[in-house]
Amino acid sequence: MNGVFDPGLQAERTALAWQRTALGLAAGSVGLGRLLLPVFGTSSYLITAAGIALCLWLWVHAEQRYRAVNRALLSKPQGALPSFALLALLCAGLCLLCGLAALFFALSRLAAR
């Protein structure tokens, strides 16, 4: 083992945080799909399925990054580690999409009054 590696659990905590984020976004996608059912009808199932698919991709990508970081920490690093930029961008985009859908739902409820 080289002297660069800190034997703490930072990489594991980061991986667990991304797993919690993916689970939270999946739950939010299901809730949003249920909330949008009266507005969009059966199309809300497609929105829910797309949100869950993105969350699964997020989970898998975070796990791959954890394994790459762990390998790099346990051996001599050979090049740059994968970036979290794509994960962060996907997470932000999914949150924005959920927020816009919730805004659309609220505005459609106000217009229906």
PDB file of N, CA and C in Angstrom:
ATOM      1  N   MET A   1       0.854  -1.175   0.000  1.00  0.00           N
ATOM      2  CA  MET A   1       0.000   0.000   0.000  1.00  0.00           C
ATOM      3  C   MET A   1       0.898   1.235   0.000  1.00  0.00           C
ATOM      4  N   ASN A   2       0.528   2.219  -0.823  1.00  0.00           N
ATOM      5  CA  ASN A   2       1.342   3.424  -0.886  1.00  0.00           C
ATOM      6  C   ASN A   2       0.929   4.403   0.209  1.00  0.00           C
ATOM      7  N   GLY A   3       1.696   5.457   0.385  1.00  0.00           N
ATOM      8  CA  GLY A   3       1.463   6.404   1.461  1.00  0.00           C
ATOM      9  C   GLY A   3       0.374   7.418   1.170  1.00  0.00           C
ATOM     10  N   VAL A   4      -0.216   7.414  -0.029  1.00  0.00           N
ATOM     11  CA  VAL A   4      -1.213   8.403  -0.395  1.00  0.00           C
ATOM     12  C   VAL A   4      -2.586   8.021   0.161  1.00  0.00           C
ATOM     13  N   PHE A   5      -2.860   6.760   0.287  1.00  0.00           N
ATOM     14  CA  PHE A   5      -4.188   6.270   0.662  1.00  0.00           C
ATOM     15  C   PHE A   5      -4.497   6.527   2.135  1.00  0.00           C
ATOM     16  N   ASP A   6      -5.640   7.143   2.380  1.00  0.00           N
ATOM     17  CA  ASP A   6      -6.155   7.341   3.729  1.00  0.00           C
ATOM     18  C   ASP A   6      -7.124   6.193   4.001  1.00  0.00           C
ATOM     19  N   PRO A   7      -6.885   5.402   5.039  1.00  0.00           N
ATOM     20  CA  PRO A   7      -7.714   4.219   5.246  1.00  0.00           C
ATOM     21  C   PRO A   7      -9.122   4.516   5.753  1.00  0.00           C
ATOM     22  N   GLY A   8      -9.538   5.760   5.734  1.00  0.00           N
ATOM     23  CA  GLY A   8     -10.902   6.094   6.143  1.00  0.00           C
ATOM     24  C   GLY A   8     -11.920   5.594   5.139  1.00  0.00           C
ATOM     25  N   LEU A   9     -13.165   5.870   5.392  1.00  0.00           N
ATOM     26  CA  LEU A   9     -14.231   5.356   4.541  1.00  0.00           C
ATOM     27  C   LEU A   9     -14.857   6.447   3.670  1.00  0.00           C
ATOM     28  N   GLN A  10     -14.043   7.411   3.233  1.00  0.00           N
ATOM     29  CA  GLN A  10     -14.581   8.523   2.462  1.00  0.00           C
ATOM     30  C   GLN A  10     -15.239   8.060   1.167  1.00  0.00           C
ATOM     31  N   ALA A  11     -14.589   7.164   0.454  1.00  0.00           N
ATOM     32  CA  ALA A  11     -15.141   6.694  -0.822  1.00  0.00           C
ATOM     33  C   ALA A  11     -16.457   5.941  -0.596  1.00  0.00           C
ATOM     34  N   GLU A  12     -16.521   5.166   0.463  1.00  0.00           N
ATOM     35  CA  GLU A  12     -17.750   4.425   0.759  1.00  0.00           C
ATOM     36  C   GLU A  12     -18.889   5.370   1.139  1.00  0.00           C
ATOM     37  N   ARG A  13     -18.574   6.385   1.921  1.00  0.00           N
ATOM     38  CA  ARG A  13     -19.605   7.352   2.311  1.00  0.00           C
ATOM     39  C   ARG A  13     -20.123   8.109   1.094  1.00  0.00           C
ATOM     40  N   THR A  14     -19.237   8.452   0.182  1.00  0.00           N
ATOM     41  CA  THR A  14     -19.656   9.145  -1.032  1.00  0.00           C
ATOM     42  C   THR A  14     -20.544   8.242  -1.876  1.00  0.00           C
ATOM     43  N   ALA A  15     -20.169   6.968  -2.005  1.00  0.00           N
ATOM     44  CA  ALA A  15     -20.990   6.027  -2.777  1.00  0.00           C
ATOM     45  C   ALA A  15     -22.366   5.864  -2.135  1.00  0.00           C
ATOM     46  N   LEU A  16     -22.403   5.774  -0.820  1.00  0.00           N
ATOM     47  CA  LEU A  16     -23.687   5.650  -0.130  1.00  0.00           C
ATOM     48  C   LEU A  16     -24.535   6.906  -0.307  1.00  0.00           C
ATOM     49  N   ALA A  17     -23.901   8.065  -0.317  1.00  0.00           N
ATOM     50  CA  ALA A  17     -24.645   9.312  -0.520  1.00  0.00           C
ATOM     51  C   ALA A  17     -25.275   9.339  -1.908  1.00  0.00           C
ATOM     52  N   TRP A  18     -24.540   8.885  -2.930  1.00  0.00           N
ATOM     53  CA  TRP A  18     -25.105   8.841  -4.275  1.00  0.00           C
ATOM     54  C   TRP A  18     -26.225   7.803  -4.358  1.00  0.00           C
ATOM     55  N   GLN A  19     -26.104   6.701  -3.619  1.00  0.00           N
ATOM     56  CA  GLN A  19     -27.183   5.711  -3.605  1.00  0.00           C
ATOM     57  C   GLN A  19     -28.441   6.298  -2.963  1.00  0.00           C
ATOM     58  N   ARG A  20     -28.272   7.029  -1.868  1.00  0.00           N
ATOM     59  CA  ARG A  20     -29.423   7.679  -1.232  1.00  0.00           C
ATOM     60  C   ARG A  20     -30.053   8.713  -2.163  1.00  0.00           C
ATOM     61  N   THR A  21     -29.216   9.436  -2.893  1.00  0.00           N
ATOM     62  CA  THR A  21     -29.730  10.421  -3.841  1.00  0.00           C
ATOM     63  C   THR A  21     -30.554   9.739  -4.927  1.00  0.00           C
ATOM     64  N   ALA A  22     -30.030   8.643  -5.466  1.00  0.00           N
ATOM     65  CA  ALA A  22     -30.758   7.912  -6.510  1.00  0.00           C
ATOM     66  C   ALA A  22     -32.072   7.361  -5.974  1.00  0.00           C
ATOM     67  N   LEU A  23     -32.061   6.814  -4.753  1.00  0.00           N
ATOM     68  CA  LEU A  23     -33.297   6.302  -4.161  1.00  0.00           C
ATOM     69  C   LEU A  23     -34.312   7.422  -3.922  1.00  0.00           C
ATOM     70  N   GLY A  24     -33.826   8.550  -3.446  1.00  0.00           N
ATOM     71  CA  GLY A  24     -34.716   9.689  -3.225  1.00  0.00           C
ATOM     72  C   GLY A  24     -35.327  10.202  -4.519  1.00  0.00           C
ATOM     73  N   LEU A  25     -34.519  10.270  -5.571  1.00  0.00           N
ATOM     74  CA  LEU A  25     -35.042  10.712  -6.858  1.00  0.00           C
ATOM     75  C   LEU A  25     -36.022   9.699  -7.439  1.00  0.00           C
ATOM     76  N   ALA A  26     -35.762   8.408  -7.215  1.00  0.00           N
ATOM     77  CA  ALA A  26     -36.707   7.381  -7.680  1.00  0.00           C
ATOM     78  C   ALA A  26     -38.038   7.521  -6.944  1.00  0.00           C
ATOM     79  N   ALA A  27     -37.980   7.716  -5.642  1.00  0.00           N
ATOM     80  CA  ALA A  27     -39.212   7.910  -4.876  1.00  0.00           C
ATOM     81  C   ALA A  27     -39.927   9.181  -5.325  1.00  0.00           C
ATOM     82  N   GLY A  28     -39.173  10.231  -5.592  1.00  0.00           N
ATOM     83  CA  GLY A  28     -39.766  11.465  -6.096  1.00  0.00           C
ATOM     84  C   GLY A  28     -40.400  11.280  -7.464  1.00  0.00           C
ATOM     85  N   SER A  29     -39.780  10.471  -8.305  1.00  0.00           N
ATOM     86  CA  SER A  29     -40.341  10.196  -9.631  1.00  0.00           C
ATOM     87  C   SER A  29     -41.665   9.444  -9.517  1.00  0.00           C
ATOM     88  N   VAL A  30     -41.713   8.476  -8.610  1.00  0.00           N
ATOM     89  CA  VAL A  30     -42.957   7.727  -8.399  1.00  0.00           C
ATOM     90  C   VAL A  30     -44.039   8.657  -7.849  1.00  0.00           C
ATOM     91  N   GLY A  31     -43.681   9.476  -6.871  1.00  0.00           N
ATOM     92  CA  GLY A  31     -44.645  10.423  -6.315  1.00  0.00           C
ATOM     93  C   GLY A  31     -45.128  11.424  -7.347  1.00  0.00           C
ATOM     94  N   LEU A  32     -44.212  11.902  -8.167  1.00  0.00           N
ATOM     95  CA  LEU A  32     -44.580  12.856  -9.205  1.00  0.00           C
ATOM     96  C   LEU A  32     -45.494  12.201 -10.233  1.00  0.00           C
ATOM     97  N   GLY A  33     -45.196  10.956 -10.584  1.00  0.00           N
ATOM     98  CA  GLY A  33     -46.060  10.250 -11.522  1.00  0.00           C
ATOM     99  C   GLY A  33     -47.464  10.094 -10.980  1.00  0.00           C
ATOM    100  N   ARG A  34     -47.567   9.811  -9.696  1.00  0.00           N
ATOM    101  CA  ARG A  34     -48.879   9.676  -9.051  1.00  0.00           C
ATOM    102  C   ARG A  34     -49.589  11.021  -9.005  1.00  0.00           C
ATOM    103  N   LEU A  35     -48.841  12.080  -8.750  1.00  0.00           N
ATOM    104  CA  LEU A  35     -49.409  13.417  -8.672  1.00  0.00           C
ATOM    105  C   LEU A  35     -49.888  13.911 -10.036  1.00  0.00           C
ATOM    106  N   LEU A  36     -49.155  13.539 -11.092  1.00  0.00           N
ATOM    107  CA  LEU A  36     -49.487  14.009 -12.433  1.00  0.00           C
ATOM    108  C   LEU A  36     -50.506  13.138 -13.151  1.00  0.00           C
ATOM    109  N   LEU A  37     -50.916  12.038 -12.548  1.00  0.00           N
ATOM    110  CA  LEU A  37     -51.866  11.129 -13.186  1.00  0.00           C
ATOM    111  C   LEU A  37     -53.173  11.828 -13.583  1.00  0.00           C
ATOM    112  N   PRO A  38     -53.773  12.674 -12.720  1.00  0.00           N
ATOM    113  CA  PRO A  38     -55.013  13.346 -13.148  1.00  0.00           C
ATOM    114  C   PRO A  38     -54.803  14.359 -14.275  1.00  0.00           C
ATOM    115  N   VAL A  39     -53.597  14.899 -14.378  1.00  0.00           N
ATOM    116  CA  VAL A  39     -53.335  15.929 -15.386  1.00  0.00           C
ATOM    117  C   VAL A  39     -52.958  15.312 -16.729  1.00  0.00           C
ATOM    118  N   PHE A  40     -51.999  14.378 -16.723  1.00  0.00           N
ATOM    119  CA  PHE A  40     -51.485  13.803 -17.964  1.00  0.00           C
ATOM    120  C   PHE A  40     -52.105  12.456 -18.324  1.00  0.00           C
ATOM    121  N   GLY A  41     -52.850  11.869 -17.425  1.00  0.00           N
ATOM    122  CA  GLY A  41     -53.425  10.549 -17.683  1.00  0.00           C
ATOM    123  C   GLY A  41     -52.340   9.483 -17.691  1.00  0.00           C
ATOM    124  N   THR A  42     -52.455   8.561 -18.625  1.00  0.00           N
ATOM    125  CA  THR A  42     -51.500   7.445 -18.656  1.00  0.00           C
ATOM    126  C   THR A  42     -50.099   7.892 -19.086  1.00  0.00           C
ATOM    127  N   SER A  43     -49.964   9.085 -19.635  1.00  0.00           N
ATOM    128  CA  SER A  43     -48.634   9.594 -19.994  1.00  0.00           C
ATOM    129  C   SER A  43     -47.757   9.791 -18.756  1.00  0.00           C
ATOM    130  N   SER A  44     -48.378   9.948 -17.612  1.00  0.00           N
ATOM    131  CA  SER A  44     -47.587  10.119 -16.386  1.00  0.00           C
ATOM    132  C   SER A  44     -46.781   8.854 -16.079  1.00  0.00           C
ATOM    133  N   TYR A  45     -47.249   7.691 -16.560  1.00  0.00           N
ATOM    134  CA  TYR A  45     -46.477   6.459 -16.376  1.00  0.00           C
ATOM    135  C   TYR A  45     -45.154   6.523 -17.136  1.00  0.00           C
ATOM    136  N   LEU A  46     -45.176   7.163 -18.301  1.00  0.00           N
ATOM    137  CA  LEU A  46     -43.932   7.326 -19.069  1.00  0.00           C
ATOM    138  C   LEU A  46     -42.961   8.250 -18.341  1.00  0.00           C
ATOM    139  N   ILE A  47     -43.488   9.308 -17.730  1.00  0.00           N
ATOM    140  CA  ILE A  47     -42.650  10.224 -16.965  1.00  0.00           C
ATOM    141  C   ILE A  47     -42.023   9.489 -15.783  1.00  0.00           C
ATOM    142  N   THR A  48     -42.829   8.680 -15.101  1.00  0.00           N
ATOM    143  CA  THR A  48     -42.325   7.903 -13.968  1.00  0.00           C
ATOM    144  C   THR A  48     -41.267   6.907 -14.417  1.00  0.00           C
ATOM    145  N   ALA A  49     -41.529   6.207 -15.513  1.00  0.00           N
ATOM    146  CA  ALA A  49     -40.576   5.219 -16.013  1.00  0.00           C
ATOM    147  C   ALA A  49     -39.266   5.881 -16.428  1.00  0.00           C
ATOM    148  N   ALA A  50     -39.342   7.055 -17.055  1.00  0.00           N
ATOM    149  CA  ALA A  50     -38.124   7.769 -17.453  1.00  0.00           C
ATOM    150  C   ALA A  50     -37.334   8.209 -16.225  1.00  0.00           C
ATOM    151  N   GLY A  51     -38.030   8.695 -15.207  1.00  0.00           N
ATOM    152  CA  GLY A  51     -37.352   9.107 -13.973  1.00  0.00           C
ATOM    153  C   GLY A  51     -36.677   7.937 -13.285  1.00  0.00           C
ATOM    154  N   ILE A  52     -37.347   6.798 -13.226  1.00  0.00           N
ATOM    155  CA  ILE A  52     -36.756   5.621 -12.579  1.00  0.00           C
ATOM    156  C   ILE A  52     -35.579   5.096 -13.397  1.00  0.00           C
ATOM    157  N   ALA A  53     -35.700   5.122 -14.729  1.00  0.00           N
ATOM    158  CA  ALA A  53     -34.584   4.682 -15.568  1.00  0.00           C
ATOM    159  C   ALA A  53     -33.355   5.569 -15.352  1.00  0.00           C
ATOM    160  N   LEU A  54     -33.565   6.876 -15.252  1.00  0.00           N
ATOM    161  CA  LEU A  54     -32.441   7.784 -14.993  1.00  0.00           C
ATOM    162  C   LEU A  54     -31.840   7.530 -13.615  1.00  0.00           C
ATOM    163  N   CYS A  55     -32.679   7.221 -12.646  1.00  0.00           N
ATOM    164  CA  CYS A  55     -32.176   6.929 -11.300  1.00  0.00           C
ATOM    165  C   CYS A  55     -31.362   5.639 -11.283  1.00  0.00           C
ATOM    166  N   LEU A  56     -31.816   4.637 -12.022  1.00  0.00           N
ATOM    167  CA  LEU A  56     -31.045   3.391 -12.115  1.00  0.00           C
ATOM    168  C   LEU A  56     -29.694   3.639 -12.779  1.00  0.00           C
ATOM    169  N   TRP A  57     -29.706   4.474 -13.832  1.00  0.00           N
ATOM    170  CA  TRP A  57     -28.444   4.798 -14.495  1.00  0.00           C
ATOM    171  C   TRP A  57     -27.518   5.542 -13.529  1.00  0.00           C
ATOM    172  N   LEU A  58     -28.084   6.447 -12.767  1.00  0.00           N
ATOM    173  CA  LEU A  58     -27.310   7.189 -11.773  1.00  0.00           C
ATOM    174  C   LEU A  58     -26.688   6.242 -10.761  1.00  0.00           C
ATOM    175  N   TRP A  59     -27.458   5.288 -10.279  1.00  0.00           N
ATOM    176  CA  TRP A  59     -26.981   4.306  -9.306  1.00  0.00           C
ATOM    177  C   TRP A  59     -25.815   3.499  -9.888  1.00  0.00           C
ATOM    178  N   VAL A  60     -25.994   2.988 -11.099  1.00  0.00           N
ATOM    179  CA  VAL A  60     -24.956   2.160 -11.736  1.00  0.00           C
ATOM    180  C   VAL A  60     -23.693   2.983 -11.988  1.00  0.00           C
ATOM    181  N   HIS A  61     -23.866   4.209 -12.476  1.00  0.00           N
ATOM    182  CA  HIS A  61     -22.705   5.054 -12.767  1.00  0.00           C
ATOM    183  C   HIS A  61     -21.950   5.412 -11.486  1.00  0.00           C
ATOM    184  N   ALA A  62     -22.673   5.674 -10.411  1.00  0.00           N
ATOM    185  CA  ALA A  62     -22.029   5.985  -9.132  1.00  0.00           C
ATOM    186  C   ALA A  62     -21.263   4.773  -8.608  1.00  0.00           C
ATOM    187  N   GLU A  63     -21.822   3.585  -8.788  1.00  0.00           N
ATOM    188  CA  GLU A  63     -21.135   2.365  -8.346  1.00  0.00           C
ATOM    189  C   GLU A  63     -19.858   2.136  -9.155  1.00  0.00           C
ATOM    190  N   GLN A  64     -19.920   2.377 -10.450  1.00  0.00           N
ATOM    191  CA  GLN A  64     -18.724   2.239 -11.291  1.00  0.00           C
ATOM    192  C   GLN A  64     -17.648   3.236 -10.871  1.00  0.00           C
ATOM    193  N   ARG A  65     -18.049   4.447 -10.550  1.00  0.00           N
ATOM    194  CA  ARG A  65     -17.077   5.450 -10.126  1.00  0.00           C
ATOM    195  C   ARG A  65     -16.472   5.075  -8.781  1.00  0.00           C
ATOM    196  N   TYR A  66     -17.281   4.543  -7.868  1.00  0.00           N
ATOM    197  CA  TYR A  66     -16.750   4.102  -6.587  1.00  0.00           C
ATOM    198  C   TYR A  66     -15.693   3.019  -6.783  1.00  0.00           C
ATOM    199  N   ARG A  67     -15.970   2.066  -7.638  1.00  0.00           N
ATOM    200  CA  ARG A  67     -14.996   0.987  -7.880  1.00  0.00           C
ATOM    201  C   ARG A  67     -13.710   1.527  -8.481  1.00  0.00           C
ATOM    202  N   ALA A  68     -13.828   2.503  -9.408  1.00  0.00           N
ATOM    203  CA  ALA A  68     -12.631   3.095 -10.010  1.00  0.00           C
ATOM    204  C   ALA A  68     -11.814   3.855  -8.965  1.00  0.00           C
ATOM    205  N   VAL A  69     -12.495   4.602  -8.094  1.00  0.00           N
ATOM    206  CA  VAL A  69     -11.792   5.345  -7.044  1.00  0.00           C
ATOM    207  C   VAL A  69     -11.132   4.383  -6.066  1.00  0.00           C
ATOM    208  N   ASN A  70     -11.851   3.339  -5.683  1.00  0.00           N
ATOM    209  CA  ASN A  70     -11.301   2.364  -4.743  1.00  0.00           C
ATOM    210  C   ASN A  70     -10.081   1.658  -5.332  1.00  0.00           C
ATOM    211  N   ARG A  71     -10.161   1.303  -6.612  1.00  0.00           N
ATOM    212  CA  ARG A  71      -9.000   0.684  -7.277  1.00  0.00           C
ATOM    213  C   ARG A  71      -7.810   1.633  -7.291  1.00  0.00           C
ATOM    214  N   ALA A  72      -8.100   2.911  -7.580  1.00  0.00           N
ATOM    215  CA  ALA A  72      -7.016   3.892  -7.641  1.00  0.00           C
ATOM    216  C   ALA A  72      -6.393   4.108  -6.262  1.00  0.00           C
ATOM    217  N   LEU A  73      -7.198   4.049  -5.204  1.00  0.00           N
ATOM    218  CA  LEU A  73      -6.661   4.244  -3.864  1.00  0.00           C
ATOM    219  C   LEU A  73      -5.843   3.051  -3.392  1.00  0.00           C
ATOM    220  N   LEU A  74      -6.231   1.856  -3.823  1.00  0.00           N
ATOM    221  CA  LEU A  74      -5.532   0.657  -3.380  1.00  0.00           C
ATOM    222  C   LEU A  74      -4.303   0.336  -4.213  1.00  0.00           C
ATOM    223  N   SER A  75      -4.183   0.931  -5.371  1.00  0.00           N
ATOM    224  CA  SER A  75      -3.003   0.727  -6.210  1.00  0.00           C
ATOM    225  C   SER A  75      -2.424   2.082  -6.573  1.00  0.00           C
ATOM    226  N   LYS A  76      -1.398   2.056  -7.347  1.00  0.00           N
ATOM    227  CA  LYS A  76      -0.820   3.325  -7.796  1.00  0.00           C
ATOM    228  C   LYS A  76      -1.721   3.916  -8.872  1.00  0.00           C
ATOM    229  N   PRO A  77      -2.174   5.156  -8.687  1.00  0.00           N
ATOM    230  CA  PRO A  77      -3.066   5.764  -9.679  1.00  0.00           C
ATOM    231  C   PRO A  77      -2.417   5.824 -11.053  1.00  0.00           C
ATOM    232  N   GLN A  78      -3.185   5.480 -12.063  1.00  0.00           N
ATOM    233  CA  GLN A  78      -2.692   5.507 -13.438  1.00  0.00           C
ATOM    234  C   GLN A  78      -3.609   6.391 -14.266  1.00  0.00           C
ATOM    235  N   GLY A  79      -3.457   7.668 -14.120  1.00  0.00           N
ATOM    236  CA  GLY A  79      -4.285   8.598 -14.871  1.00  0.00           C
ATOM    237  C   GLY A  79      -5.342   9.237 -13.992  1.00  0.00           C
ATOM    238  N   ALA A  80      -6.139  10.044 -14.621  1.00  0.00           N
ATOM    239  CA  ALA A  80      -7.176  10.789 -13.902  1.00  0.00           C
ATOM    240  C   ALA A  80      -8.347   9.879 -13.559  1.00  0.00           C
ATOM    241  N   LEU A  81      -8.977  10.194 -12.447  1.00  0.00           N
ATOM    242  CA  LEU A  81     -10.169   9.464 -12.035  1.00  0.00           C
ATOM    243  C   LEU A  81     -11.367   9.970 -12.830  1.00  0.00           C
ATOM    244  N   PRO A  82     -12.399   9.142 -12.977  1.00  0.00           N
ATOM    245  CA  PRO A  82     -13.598   9.608 -13.675  1.00  0.00           C
ATOM    246  C   PRO A  82     -14.214  10.799 -12.946  1.00  0.00           C
ATOM    247  N   SER A  83     -14.807  11.679 -13.684  1.00  0.00           N
ATOM    248  CA  SER A  83     -15.397  12.890 -13.114  1.00  0.00           C
ATOM    249  C   SER A  83     -16.806  12.631 -12.603  1.00  0.00           C
ATOM    250  N   PHE A  84     -17.189  13.394 -11.600  1.00  0.00           N
ATOM    251  CA  PHE A  84     -18.555  13.339 -11.091  1.00  0.00           C
ATOM    252  C   PHE A  84     -19.439  14.350 -11.821  1.00  0.00           C
ATOM    253  N   ALA A  85     -18.907  15.045 -12.802  1.00  0.00           N
ATOM    254  CA  ALA A  85     -19.664  16.101 -13.477  1.00  0.00           C
ATOM    255  C   ALA A  85     -20.924  15.555 -14.133  1.00  0.00           C
ATOM    256  N   LEU A  86     -20.831  14.405 -14.777  1.00  0.00           N
ATOM    257  CA  LEU A  86     -21.998  13.842 -15.445  1.00  0.00           C
ATOM    258  C   LEU A  86     -23.063  13.438 -14.429  1.00  0.00           C
ATOM    259  N   LEU A  87     -22.627  12.861 -13.314  1.00  0.00           N
ATOM    260  CA  LEU A  87     -23.581  12.501 -12.256  1.00  0.00           C
ATOM    261  C   LEU A  87     -24.285  13.735 -11.703  1.00  0.00           C
ATOM    262  N   ALA A  88     -23.515  14.760 -11.414  1.00  0.00           N
ATOM    263  CA  ALA A  88     -24.097  15.984 -10.858  1.00  0.00           C
ATOM    264  C   ALA A  88     -25.041  16.635 -11.857  1.00  0.00           C
ATOM    265  N   LEU A  89     -24.668  16.642 -13.134  1.00  0.00           N
ATOM    266  CA  LEU A  89     -25.510  17.232 -14.160  1.00  0.00           C
ATOM    267  C   LEU A  89     -26.808  16.450 -14.312  1.00  0.00           C
ATOM    268  N   LEU A  90     -26.727  15.137 -14.279  1.00  0.00           N
ATOM    269  CA  LEU A  90     -27.923  14.306 -14.377  1.00  0.00           C
ATOM    270  C   LEU A  90     -28.843  14.527 -13.174  1.00  0.00           C
ATOM    271  N   CYS A  91     -28.265  14.575 -12.006  1.00  0.00           N
ATOM    272  CA  CYS A  91     -29.040  14.787 -10.784  1.00  0.00           C
ATOM    273  C   CYS A  91     -29.732  16.153 -10.818  1.00  0.00           C
ATOM    274  N   ALA A  92     -29.008  17.177 -11.212  1.00  0.00           N
ATOM    275  CA  ALA A  92     -29.588  18.518 -11.292  1.00  0.00           C
ATOM    276  C   ALA A  92     -30.681  18.574 -12.354  1.00  0.00           C
ATOM    277  N   GLY A  93     -30.453  17.926 -13.487  1.00  0.00           N
ATOM    278  CA  GLY A  93     -31.453  17.908 -14.546  1.00  0.00           C
ATOM    279  C   GLY A  93     -32.727  17.198 -14.128  1.00  0.00           C
ATOM    280  N   LEU A  94     -32.581  16.078 -13.425  1.00  0.00           N
ATOM    281  CA  LEU A  94     -33.746  15.341 -12.966  1.00  0.00           C
ATOM    282  C   LEU A  94     -34.528  16.156 -11.928  1.00  0.00           C
ATOM    283  N   CYS A  95     -33.818  16.823 -11.030  1.00  0.00           N
ATOM    284  CA  CYS A  95     -34.491  17.686 -10.050  1.00  0.00           C
ATOM    285  C   CYS A  95     -35.207  18.841 -10.746  1.00  0.00           C
ATOM    286  N   LEU A  96     -34.586  19.421 -11.761  1.00  0.00           N
ATOM    287  CA  LEU A  96     -35.212  20.509 -12.510  1.00  0.00           C
ATOM    288  C   LEU A  96     -36.461  20.008 -13.228  1.00  0.00           C
ATOM    289  N   LEU A  97     -36.374  18.840 -13.830  1.00  0.00           N
ATOM    290  CA  LEU A  97     -37.522  18.264 -14.523  1.00  0.00           C
ATOM    291  C   LEU A  97     -38.678  18.017 -13.551  1.00  0.00           C
ATOM    292  N   CYS A  98     -38.365  17.472 -12.390  1.00  0.00           N
ATOM    293  CA  CYS A  98     -39.406  17.242 -11.378  1.00  0.00           C
ATOM    294  C   CYS A  98     -40.014  18.562 -10.905  1.00  0.00           C
ATOM    295  N   GLY A  99     -39.194  19.558 -10.706  1.00  0.00           N
ATOM    296  CA  GLY A  99     -39.691  20.868 -10.286  1.00  0.00           C
ATOM    297  C   GLY A  99     -40.583  21.509 -11.332  1.00  0.00           C
ATOM    298  N   LEU A 100     -40.194  21.406 -12.605  1.00  0.00           N
ATOM    299  CA  LEU A 100     -41.026  21.967 -13.673  1.00  0.00           C
ATOM    300  C   LEU A 100     -42.352  21.228 -13.800  1.00  0.00           C
ATOM    301  N   ALA A 101     -42.301  19.909 -13.640  1.00  0.00           N
ATOM    302  CA  ALA A 101     -43.547  19.137 -13.695  1.00  0.00           C
ATOM    303  C   ALA A 101     -44.455  19.502 -12.526  1.00  0.00           C
ATOM    304  N   ALA A 102     -43.899  19.683 -11.348  1.00  0.00           N
ATOM    305  CA  ALA A 102     -44.710  20.089 -10.192  1.00  0.00           C
ATOM    306  C   ALA A 102     -45.281  21.485 -10.401  1.00  0.00           C
ATOM    307  N   LEU A 103     -44.505  22.385 -10.979  1.00  0.00           N
ATOM    308  CA  LEU A 103     -45.002  23.733 -11.276  1.00  0.00           C
ATOM    309  C   LEU A 103     -46.141  23.674 -12.286  1.00  0.00           C
ATOM    310  N   PHE A 104     -45.979  22.858 -13.311  1.00  0.00           N
ATOM    311  CA  PHE A 104     -47.036  22.694 -14.303  1.00  0.00           C
ATOM    312  C   PHE A 104     -48.298  22.147 -13.652  1.00  0.00           C
ATOM    313  N   PHE A 105     -48.124  21.193 -12.757  1.00  0.00           N
ATOM    314  CA  PHE A 105     -49.270  20.621 -12.055  1.00  0.00           C
ATOM    315  C   PHE A 105     -49.987  21.686 -11.228  1.00  0.00           C
ATOM    316  N   ALA A 106     -49.217  22.475 -10.488  1.00  0.00           N
ATOM    317  CA  ALA A 106     -49.825  23.514  -9.649  1.00  0.00           C
ATOM    318  C   ALA A 106     -50.544  24.554 -10.493  1.00  0.00           C
ATOM    319  N   LEU A 107     -49.919  24.958 -11.594  1.00  0.00           N
ATOM    320  CA  LEU A 107     -50.561  25.956 -12.466  1.00  0.00           C
ATOM    321  C   LEU A 107     -51.800  25.405 -13.137  1.00  0.00           C
ATOM    322  N   SER A 108     -51.798  24.133 -13.494  1.00  0.00           N
ATOM    323  CA  SER A 108     -52.983  23.545 -14.116  1.00  0.00           C
ATOM    324  C   SER A 108     -54.126  23.440 -13.106  1.00  0.00           C
ATOM    325  N   ARG A 109     -53.800  23.209 -11.850  1.00  0.00           N
ATOM    326  CA  ARG A 109     -54.829  23.173 -10.790  1.00  0.00           C
ATOM    327  C   ARG A 109     -55.431  24.567 -10.580  1.00  0.00           C
ATOM    328  N   LEU A 110     -54.584  25.596 -10.625  1.00  0.00           N
ATOM    329  CA  LEU A 110     -55.072  26.967 -10.469  1.00  0.00           C
ATOM    330  C   LEU A 110     -55.953  27.382 -11.649  1.00  0.00           C
ATOM    331  N   ALA A 111     -55.557  26.965 -12.844  1.00  0.00           N
ATOM    332  CA  ALA A 111     -56.327  27.323 -14.035  1.00  0.00           C
ATOM    333  C   ALA A 111     -57.666  26.599 -14.079  1.00  0.00           C
ATOM    334  N   ALA A 112     -57.735  25.427 -13.443  1.00  0.00           N
ATOM    335  CA  ALA A 112     -58.975  24.649 -13.452  1.00  0.00           C
ATOM    336  C   ALA A 112     -60.018  25.242 -12.516  1.00  0.00           C
ATOM    337  N   ARG A 113     -59.610  26.085 -11.594  1.00  0.00           N
ATOM    338  CA  ARG A 113     -60.568  26.697 -10.641  1.00  0.00           C
ATOM    339  C   ARG A 113     -61.412  27.661 -11.329  1.00  0.00           C
TER     340      ARG A 113
END
